[in-house]
Protein backbone atom coordinates (compact mmCIF):
# COMPACT_ATOMS: atom_id res chain seq x y z
CA GLN A 1 -93.17 55.78 -32.53
CA VAL A 2 -96.04 58.57 -33.45
CA GLN A 3 -93.87 62.45 -33.73
CA LEU A 4 -94.98 65.53 -35.46
CA VAL A 5 -92.26 67.74 -36.11
CA GLU A 6 -92.65 71.49 -36.86
CA SER A 7 -90.01 74.03 -38.48
CA GLY A 8 -90.24 77.42 -40.46
CA GLY A 9 -91.32 80.14 -36.66
CA GLY A 10 -89.48 82.98 -36.35
CA LEU A 11 -89.35 86.57 -36.27
CA ALA A 12 -91.63 88.44 -39.17
CA GLN A 13 -92.51 91.40 -39.70
CA PRO A 14 -95.65 93.05 -40.31
CA GLY A 15 -96.84 92.09 -43.49
CA GLY A 16 -94.57 89.96 -43.67
CA SER A 17 -94.48 86.10 -44.97
CA LEU A 18 -93.63 83.06 -43.47
CA ARG A 19 -94.75 79.30 -44.09
CA LEU A 20 -94.87 77.09 -41.32
CA SER A 21 -94.05 73.11 -42.43
CA CYS A 22 -94.95 70.18 -40.38
CA THR A 23 -93.56 66.28 -40.85
CA ALA A 24 -95.35 63.74 -39.85
CA SER A 25 -94.30 59.95 -39.09
CA GLY A 26 -97.27 57.57 -41.21
CA ARG A 27 -99.00 56.22 -39.08
CA ALA A 28 -100.19 59.70 -37.54
CA PHE A 29 -100.42 61.51 -41.03
CA SER A 30 -102.23 58.57 -43.09
CA GLY A 31 -105.62 58.89 -43.41
CA ARG A 32 -105.66 61.97 -41.66
CA ALA A 33 -107.44 65.41 -41.96
CA MET A 34 -104.56 68.13 -40.45
CA GLY A 35 -104.63 70.82 -38.45
CA TRP A 36 -103.02 73.88 -37.42
CA PHE A 37 -103.33 75.83 -34.18
CA ARG A 38 -101.51 78.48 -32.02
CA GLN A 39 -101.71 79.30 -28.04
CA ALA A 40 -100.50 83.50 -26.99
CA PRO A 41 -99.26 83.42 -24.19
CA GLY A 42 -101.93 83.87 -21.22
CA LYS A 43 -104.37 83.14 -23.52
CA GLU A 44 -106.23 78.82 -24.77
CA ARG A 45 -105.27 77.10 -27.60
CA GLU A 46 -107.05 78.17 -30.53
CA PHE A 47 -107.84 76.85 -34.20
CA VAL A 48 -106.40 78.18 -37.08
CA ALA A 49 -107.15 75.91 -40.04
CA ALA A 50 -107.61 72.51 -41.22
CA ILE A 51 -107.31 70.41 -44.50
CA SER A 52 -109.01 66.87 -45.19
CA TRP A 53 -107.33 64.22 -45.63
CA SER A 54 -107.51 64.53 -49.58
CA GLY A 55 -106.38 67.90 -49.51
CA ALA A 56 -109.58 69.57 -51.02
CA GLY A 57 -111.47 70.67 -48.46
CA THR A 58 -109.84 73.27 -45.54
CA LYS A 59 -111.44 75.34 -43.36
CA TYR A 60 -110.17 78.63 -41.39
CA ALA A 61 -110.31 80.38 -38.12
CA ASP A 62 -112.35 83.98 -39.09
CA SER A 63 -108.95 85.59 -37.62
CA VAL A 64 -106.75 84.21 -40.63
CA LYS A 65 -109.20 84.24 -43.98
CA GLY A 66 -107.63 85.73 -46.58
CA ARG A 67 -103.95 85.43 -45.44
CA PHE A 68 -103.25 82.25 -43.92
CA THR A 69 -103.72 79.22 -46.71
CA ILE A 70 -103.15 75.04 -45.28
CA SER A 71 -102.37 72.63 -47.92
CA ARG A 72 -100.33 69.04 -48.08
CA ASP A 73 -97.80 67.04 -49.58
CA ASN A 74 -99.15 63.03 -48.93
CA ALA A 75 -96.56 62.30 -50.43
CA LYS A 76 -93.53 63.77 -47.83
CA ASN A 77 -96.40 62.80 -45.06
CA THR A 78 -96.15 67.57 -44.54
CA VAL A 79 -98.58 69.89 -43.80
CA TYR A 80 -97.96 73.17 -44.55
CA LEU A 81 -99.30 76.92 -43.45
CA GLN A 82 -98.60 80.08 -45.22
CA MET A 83 -98.80 82.64 -43.41
CA ASN A 84 -99.19 85.97 -45.15
CA SER A 85 -100.04 89.61 -44.17
CA LEU A 86 -98.91 89.03 -41.04
CA LYS A 87 -100.08 91.23 -37.95
CA ALA A 88 -98.88 91.31 -34.20
CA GLU A 89 -101.47 89.80 -32.91
CA ASP A 90 -100.19 86.64 -35.01
CA THR A 91 -97.96 85.99 -32.91
CA ALA A 92 -97.61 82.91 -30.69
CA ALA A 93 -97.23 79.11 -30.61
CA TYR A 94 -98.18 77.19 -33.51
CA TYR A 95 -98.64 73.18 -33.20
CA CYS A 96 -99.97 70.96 -36.01
CA ALA A 97 -102.06 68.13 -34.95
CA ALA A 98 -103.07 65.42 -36.60
CA ALA A 99 -106.92 63.91 -36.30
CA SER A 100 -109.19 61.18 -36.13
CA THR A 101 -110.55 61.04 -39.29
CA GLY A 102 -110.18 61.90 -42.98
CA GLY A 103 -112.96 64.94 -43.05
CA ILE A 104 -112.13 67.86 -42.68
CA THR A 105 -112.44 69.00 -38.37
CA SER A 106 -111.35 71.42 -36.07
CA THR A 107 -112.53 69.35 -33.01
CA GLY A 108 -110.59 65.83 -32.14
CA TYR A 109 -107.34 65.70 -32.84
CA ASP A 110 -104.71 62.65 -31.66
CA TYR A 111 -101.26 63.78 -32.15
CA TRP A 112 -99.54 66.90 -31.76
CA GLY A 113 -96.31 68.59 -32.78
CA GLN A 114 -93.85 70.16 -30.22
CA GLY A 115 -95.35 73.87 -31.44
CA THR A 116 -92.86 77.07 -32.87
CA GLN A 117 -92.80 80.43 -32.14
CA VAL A 118 -94.46 82.96 -34.37
CA THR A 119 -92.85 86.65 -33.25
CA VAL A 120 -94.52 89.44 -35.54
CA SER A 121 -92.57 93.01 -34.55
CA SER A 122 -91.39 95.64 -35.94
């Protein structure tokens, strides 16, 4: 069974940091690019960041560029999203996803996690 399980969400103050993790079963991770998406209440899901299978390529939404960093550990089947300088507008449910290809992409994701909530508030 293919599974993506996110963790690390929670409450952070503006300017603070959180680190999200997503661990995948082998079939949902091996050879695939991975991405993070988010969805705030009343808004559509949006792309946040992606990383290629090798880890050499990354891509970010303009809204998080310079503040968020995506990385992966293929030996642990895990992808991370380090979020720094958090803002109230980063509040959303964050989802990790596995792409159908190994190259970096913001579309074409086959498998999705259940999501983890991130709330930025003082």
